[in-house]
Amino acid sequence: MAGEWLKFECSLPEKPETLAITASMGWDDPDLTVGKLMRLFRWFDQHTLNGNALGVTPALLDRIIGVTGFVAAVAATGWIVIGDTFVSLHNFDHHNGATAKSRAQTAKRVAKHKTNGGGNAEPNDIGNACSVSDALPREEKKREEVIPAPNGALSAEPPHGDQPNLNGVPEAPGSSPGRSGVPPCPYDLLLGLYHELCPTMPSVRADLFKDGKRADAMLARWKWVMTSKAVVGERAGQRMATTREEGLAWFRKFFVYASKSLFLRGDAAPREGARRFVADLGWLVKLENFEKVLEGKYHGDVQEVEHA
């Protein structure tokens, strides 16, 4: 369709990641890498809404791109996250604008809305302006969440009354999470990090996880990270994360830290008569367990996590 486009940075051919991919593939021309990256970005633009391709494997994408091992080389730079059941393009919005798939679905919703009487019998250029906002789907219902206490501690109390946003201004109950400055919880990317960095812990199914109470706990921990100030580490006194990328980086460190515990990863010898324990993602993000992990209660040297 005429007018479709992808974002292209002028510095892409010289970026360290591009050069690393070129070297990993055994090529001597970064322009070849750029061409393959554009095919990769285009595929995600055309066939996903948010950069998460569920059920797609690196081998399938390699076949589409025409080069074996290319997706793995890109993943090594952090531009792609490979999970057991998905492949996700990191910083999707950075590479892609409104996707063709999203544009097509929006157009379909608008047309259906007008057919059902939601629009007026006006000229097309006026009718679109009046009806598109009403035809778009309502934001996904907010999950019940755990609100961080003012001092940054975790609180299990349910929200009540007006809650302050990140600027200290009260917001009305039920307002959009985006308005508070907290990015939506990237469940699929967090699941991918867990599977990548905690390979000895039990894997979880994305569909079952996101539909249950474990997702509520994950959302609460995500919001805590995005709104609370670090006590130790290089960000001490500052918010631990302010963007989705910083939040993902925080959880990457958290999963690495958890995986170093013999007890949590299932390598500690159980007491006589007891079964060997191994933590899983649902256990890690449960409030009381999350707090103990951060405090170093499951590490032999009782060393607190260094980035919270």
Protein backbone atom coordinates (compact mmCIF):
# COMPACT_ATOMS: atom_id res chain seq x y z
CA MET A 1 0.00 0.00 0.00
CA ALA A 2 1.37 3.42 -0.92
CA GLY A 3 2.54 5.53 2.00
CA GLU A 4 3.66 2.68 4.29
CA TRP A 5 7.08 3.25 5.83
CA LEU A 6 9.57 2.10 8.46
CA LYS A 7 11.75 4.25 10.67
CA PHE A 8 15.37 4.13 9.53
CA GLU A 9 18.21 5.72 11.53
CA CYS A 10 20.97 7.25 9.45
CA SER A 11 23.48 5.78 11.91
CA LEU A 12 22.20 2.21 11.58
CA PRO A 13 25.04 1.01 9.27
CA GLU A 14 27.67 2.21 11.77
CA LYS A 15 25.97 1.18 15.02
CA PRO A 16 28.07 -1.20 17.16
CA GLU A 17 25.23 -3.71 17.13
CA THR A 18 25.12 -3.69 13.33
CA LEU A 19 28.87 -4.21 13.15
CA ALA A 20 28.64 -7.01 15.74
CA ILE A 21 25.96 -8.78 13.69
CA THR A 22 28.08 -8.37 10.55
CA ALA A 23 31.10 -9.91 12.26
CA SER A 24 29.02 -12.72 13.78
CA MET A 25 27.68 -13.64 10.34
CA GLY A 26 31.20 -13.63 8.85
CA TRP A 27 30.41 -10.76 6.50
CA ASP A 28 32.61 -7.79 5.68
CA ASP A 29 29.89 -5.41 4.46
CA PRO A 30 27.53 -3.83 7.05
CA ASP A 31 25.21 -2.81 4.21
CA LEU A 32 24.28 -6.47 3.81
CA THR A 33 23.34 -6.58 7.51
CA VAL A 34 21.26 -3.41 7.16
CA GLY A 35 19.33 -4.95 4.28
CA LYS A 36 18.53 -8.06 6.30
CA LEU A 37 17.57 -5.95 9.33
CA MET A 38 15.12 -4.00 7.23
CA ARG A 39 13.50 -7.26 6.08
CA LEU A 40 13.30 -8.35 9.72
CA PHE A 41 11.82 -5.03 10.89
CA ARG A 42 9.37 -5.08 7.99
CA TRP A 43 8.13 -8.55 8.92
CA PHE A 44 7.40 -7.47 12.50
CA ASP A 45 5.70 -4.32 11.19
CA GLN A 46 3.44 -6.25 8.83
CA HIS A 47 2.54 -9.20 11.02
CA THR A 48 2.53 -8.07 14.69
CA LEU A 49 0.81 -5.35 16.64
CA ASN A 50 3.37 -4.87 19.41
CA GLY A 51 6.51 -6.66 18.27
CA ASN A 52 5.68 -9.98 19.99
CA ALA A 53 5.46 -12.94 17.61
CA LEU A 54 3.94 -15.83 19.55
CA GLY A 55 4.59 -19.31 18.18
CA VAL A 56 7.27 -18.06 15.79
CA THR A 57 10.78 -19.53 15.92
CA PRO A 58 14.15 -18.05 14.90
CA ALA A 59 14.43 -20.73 12.22
CA LEU A 60 11.21 -19.59 10.57
CA LEU A 61 12.35 -15.96 10.58
CA ASP A 62 15.75 -16.99 9.19
CA ARG A 63 13.94 -18.69 6.33
CA ILE A 64 11.95 -15.53 5.61
CA ILE A 65 15.06 -13.36 5.76
CA GLY A 66 17.03 -15.85 3.68
CA VAL A 67 20.02 -16.35 6.00
CA THR A 68 20.54 -19.08 8.60
CA GLY A 69 21.59 -17.86 12.03
CA PHE A 70 20.76 -14.20 11.44
CA VAL A 71 18.04 -13.93 14.12
CA ALA A 72 20.34 -15.50 16.72
CA ALA A 73 23.05 -12.98 15.80
CA VAL A 74 20.55 -10.13 16.25
CA ALA A 75 19.41 -11.58 19.59
CA ALA A 76 23.02 -11.54 20.82
CA THR A 77 22.94 -7.73 20.56
CA GLY A 78 19.72 -7.43 22.56
CA TRP A 79 17.65 -6.16 19.64
CA ILE A 80 15.55 -9.34 19.71
CA VAL A 81 14.41 -11.50 22.61
CA ILE A 82 14.01 -15.22 21.91
CA GLY A 83 11.74 -17.22 24.22
CA ASP A 84 10.51 -20.79 24.26
CA THR A 85 7.23 -19.83 22.59
CA PHE A 86 7.87 -16.42 21.05
CA VAL A 87 10.29 -14.07 19.35
CA SER A 88 10.01 -10.39 20.33
CA LEU A 89 11.49 -7.30 18.67
CA HIS A 90 12.98 -5.08 21.37
CA ASN A 91 12.07 -1.38 21.14
CA PHE A 92 9.39 -2.17 18.56
CA ASP A 93 8.04 1.39 18.57
CA HIS A 94 11.56 2.67 17.96
CA HIS A 95 11.76 0.83 14.62
CA ASN A 96 8.13 0.86 13.55
CA GLY A 97 5.33 3.39 13.27
CA ALA A 98 1.68 2.45 13.06
CA THR A 99 1.86 -1.06 11.69
CA ALA A 100 0.01 -2.13 8.59
CA LYS A 101 -1.83 -4.71 10.65
CA SER A 102 -2.87 -2.09 13.19
CA ARG A 103 -3.95 0.33 10.47
CA ALA A 104 -6.04 -2.35 8.79
CA GLN A 105 -7.72 -3.36 12.04
CA THR A 106 -8.46 0.28 12.89
CA ALA A 107 -10.03 0.82 9.46
CA LYS A 108 -12.12 -2.32 9.92
CA ARG A 109 -13.35 -1.19 13.34
CA VAL A 110 -14.26 2.24 12.02
CA ALA A 111 -16.20 0.74 9.10
CA LYS A 112 -18.04 -1.67 11.41
CA HIS A 113 -18.83 1.14 13.82
CA LYS A 114 -20.41 3.24 11.08
CA THR A 115 -22.35 0.26 9.70
CA ASN A 116 -23.85 -0.32 13.15
CA GLY A 117 -24.99 3.26 13.38
CA GLY A 118 -22.10 4.64 15.39
CA GLY A 119 -21.28 7.26 12.77
CA ASN A 120 -23.29 9.92 11.04
CA ALA A 121 -24.25 10.10 7.40
CA GLU A 122 -21.60 12.71 6.70
CA PRO A 123 -18.93 13.03 4.04
CA ASN A 124 -16.05 10.61 4.60
CA ASP A 125 -13.52 13.25 5.59
CA ILE A 126 -15.84 14.54 8.34
CA GLY A 127 -17.22 11.16 9.41
CA ASN A 128 -13.78 9.74 10.18
CA ALA A 129 -12.89 12.66 12.39
CA CYS A 130 -16.07 12.24 14.41
CA SER A 131 -16.13 8.48 14.86
CA VAL A 132 -12.63 6.99 15.00
CA SER A 133 -12.08 7.70 18.68
CA ASP A 134 -15.33 5.96 19.62
CA ALA A 135 -14.63 2.95 17.39
CA LEU A 136 -11.26 2.14 18.92
CA PRO A 137 -11.33 -0.60 21.58
CA ARG A 138 -11.39 0.43 25.21
CA GLU A 139 -8.15 0.01 27.09
CA GLU A 140 -7.68 -3.40 28.64
CA LYS A 141 -9.25 -3.57 32.04
CA LYS A 142 -6.71 -2.79 34.72
CA ARG A 143 -5.76 -5.73 36.90
CA GLU A 144 -6.10 -5.50 40.63
CA GLU A 145 -2.78 -4.09 41.69
CA VAL A 146 -0.51 -3.62 44.66
CA ILE A 147 0.26 0.07 45.12
CA PRO A 148 3.71 1.11 46.37
CA ALA A 149 3.64 2.81 49.74
CA PRO A 150 4.90 6.42 49.84
CA ASN A 151 8.24 5.36 51.32
CA GLY A 152 8.87 2.91 48.48
CA ALA A 153 8.01 -0.20 50.52
CA LEU A 154 5.77 -2.82 49.04
CA SER A 155 2.19 -2.73 50.25
CA ALA A 156 -0.40 -5.44 49.97
CA GLU A 157 -3.26 -3.03 50.65
CA PRO A 158 -5.75 -2.61 47.78
CA PRO A 159 -6.04 0.86 46.26
CA HIS A 160 -8.53 3.18 47.93
CA GLY A 161 -9.42 6.78 47.18
CA ASP A 162 -7.40 8.94 44.81
CA GLN A 163 -3.86 7.70 44.23
CA PRO A 164 -1.01 10.12 43.47
CA ASN A 165 0.63 9.76 40.10
CA LEU A 166 4.38 10.06 39.54
CA ASN A 167 4.19 13.84 39.83
CA GLY A 168 2.31 13.70 43.14
CA VAL A 169 -0.99 14.79 41.58
CA PRO A 170 -4.02 12.69 42.61
CA GLU A 171 -5.70 10.79 39.80
CA ALA A 172 -9.25 9.59 39.67
CA PRO A 173 -9.77 5.85 40.27
CA GLY A 174 -9.80 3.85 37.05
CA SER A 175 -7.67 6.33 35.09
CA SER A 176 -5.34 4.99 32.42
CA PRO A 177 -1.99 3.58 33.63
CA GLY A 178 -0.32 5.44 30.78
CA ARG A 179 -1.43 8.78 32.23
CA SER A 180 0.47 8.05 35.44
CA GLY A 181 3.68 7.66 33.49
CA VAL A 182 4.00 3.90 34.08
CA PRO A 183 4.46 1.91 30.85
CA PRO A 184 2.18 -1.13 30.43
CA CYS A 185 3.63 -4.29 31.92
CA PRO A 186 5.44 -6.22 29.11
CA TYR A 187 4.43 -9.69 30.26
CA ASP A 188 5.83 -11.56 27.24
CA LEU A 189 9.23 -9.88 27.47
CA LEU A 190 9.44 -10.52 31.21
CA LEU A 191 8.55 -14.17 30.66
CA GLY A 192 11.25 -14.33 28.01
CA LEU A 193 13.85 -12.90 30.40
CA TYR A 194 12.82 -15.39 33.11
CA HIS A 195 13.16 -18.37 30.77
CA GLU A 196 16.48 -17.09 29.42
CA LEU A 197 18.12 -16.24 32.74
CA CYS A 198 16.60 -18.88 35.05
CA PRO A 199 16.85 -22.02 32.89
CA THR A 200 16.85 -24.43 35.84
CA MET A 201 13.56 -23.08 37.17
CA PRO A 202 10.23 -24.44 35.88
CA SER A 203 9.01 -22.88 32.65
CA VAL A 204 5.62 -21.20 32.56
CA ARG A 205 3.00 -21.02 29.83
CA ALA A 206 2.41 -17.45 28.77
CA ASP A 207 -1.34 -17.88 28.21
CA LEU A 208 -1.96 -19.47 31.62
CA PHE A 209 0.33 -17.02 33.42
CA LYS A 210 -1.25 -13.89 31.98
CA ASP A 211 -4.81 -15.07 32.74
CA GLY A 212 -4.21 -15.86 36.40
CA LYS A 213 -3.32 -14.27 39.72
CA ARG A 214 0.40 -14.55 38.98
CA ALA A 215 -0.01 -11.85 36.36
CA ASP A 216 -1.58 -9.57 38.99
CA ALA A 217 1.49 -10.08 41.16
CA MET A 218 3.80 -9.42 38.20
CA LEU A 219 1.93 -6.20 37.40
CA ALA A 220 2.26 -5.05 41.02
CA ARG A 221 6.02 -5.75 41.06
CA TRP A 222 6.41 -3.97 37.69
CA LYS A 223 4.63 -0.87 39.00
CA TRP A 224 6.73 -0.93 42.16
CA VAL A 225 9.93 -0.96 40.12
CA MET A 226 8.64 1.84 37.87
CA THR A 227 7.60 4.13 40.76
CA SER A 228 9.93 3.47 43.71
CA LYS A 229 13.35 4.84 44.48
CA ALA A 230 16.42 2.64 44.78
CA VAL A 231 18.03 2.41 48.22
CA VAL A 232 21.39 1.03 47.07
CA GLY A 233 23.36 0.93 43.83
CA GLU A 234 24.19 3.56 41.24
CA ARG A 235 20.58 4.82 41.18
CA ALA A 236 20.27 5.19 44.97
CA GLY A 237 17.83 7.98 45.73
CA GLN A 238 16.42 7.89 42.19
CA ARG A 239 13.55 5.96 40.64
CA MET A 240 14.72 2.47 39.76
CA ALA A 241 13.25 2.76 36.26
CA THR A 242 11.45 5.41 34.25
CA THR A 243 11.04 3.66 30.87
CA ARG A 244 10.05 0.18 29.72
CA GLU A 245 13.66 -0.52 28.72
CA GLU A 246 14.96 0.46 32.16
CA GLY A 247 12.28 -1.68 33.78
CA LEU A 248 13.29 -4.67 31.69
CA ALA A 249 16.95 -4.05 32.56
CA TRP A 250 16.01 -4.02 36.27
CA PHE A 251 14.22 -7.36 36.00
CA ARG A 252 17.12 -8.80 34.00
CA LYS A 253 19.37 -8.07 36.99
CA PHE A 254 16.74 -9.45 39.35
CA PHE A 255 16.47 -12.77 37.48
CA VAL A 256 20.27 -13.05 37.24
CA TYR A 257 20.47 -12.43 40.99
CA ALA A 258 17.76 -15.01 41.74
CA SER A 259 19.46 -17.61 39.53
CA LYS A 260 22.64 -17.36 41.65
CA SER A 261 20.82 -18.75 44.69
CA LEU A 262 21.41 -22.49 45.12
CA PHE A 263 18.15 -22.73 47.02
CA LEU A 264 16.00 -20.87 44.47
CA ARG A 265 17.37 -22.71 41.45
CA GLY A 266 16.93 -26.12 43.09
CA ASP A 267 20.57 -27.02 43.68
CA ALA A 268 20.51 -26.89 47.49
CA ALA A 269 20.37 -30.24 49.27
CA PRO A 270 16.98 -30.60 50.98
CA ARG A 271 16.64 -31.40 54.65
CA GLU A 272 16.14 -35.05 55.49
CA GLY A 273 12.68 -36.16 54.53
CA ALA A 274 11.91 -32.95 52.62
CA ARG A 275 11.49 -32.53 48.88
CA ARG A 276 13.95 -30.46 46.91
CA PHE A 277 12.62 -26.93 46.43
CA VAL A 278 12.91 -24.91 43.23
CA ALA A 279 11.31 -21.51 42.71
CA ASP A 280 9.29 -20.54 39.66
CA LEU A 281 8.21 -17.19 38.27
CA GLY A 282 4.90 -17.09 40.13
CA TRP A 283 6.74 -17.75 43.40
CA LEU A 284 9.37 -15.08 42.69
CA VAL A 285 6.87 -12.27 42.08
CA LYS A 286 4.66 -13.08 45.07
CA LEU A 287 4.94 -10.16 47.46
CA GLU A 288 6.47 -11.85 50.51
CA ASN A 289 8.87 -13.92 48.40
CA PHE A 290 9.89 -10.96 46.26
CA GLU A 291 10.80 -8.98 49.37
CA LYS A 292 12.89 -11.83 50.80
CA VAL A 293 14.75 -12.32 47.53
CA LEU A 294 15.64 -8.62 47.42
CA GLU A 295 16.85 -8.82 51.02
CA GLY A 296 19.18 -11.71 50.16
CA LYS A 297 17.43 -14.23 52.42
CA TYR A 298 17.98 -17.06 49.92
CA HIS A 299 21.64 -16.37 49.13
CA GLY A 300 24.35 -17.96 51.20
CA ASP A 301 26.19 -14.72 51.88
CA VAL A 302 22.94 -12.92 52.80
CA GLN A 303 23.85 -10.20 50.32
CA GLU A 304 21.05 -7.84 49.40
CA VAL A 305 20.33 -7.20 45.75
CA GLU A 306 22.55 -4.34 44.54
CA HIS A 307 20.13 -2.47 42.27
CA ALA A 308 17.12 -1.81 44.51
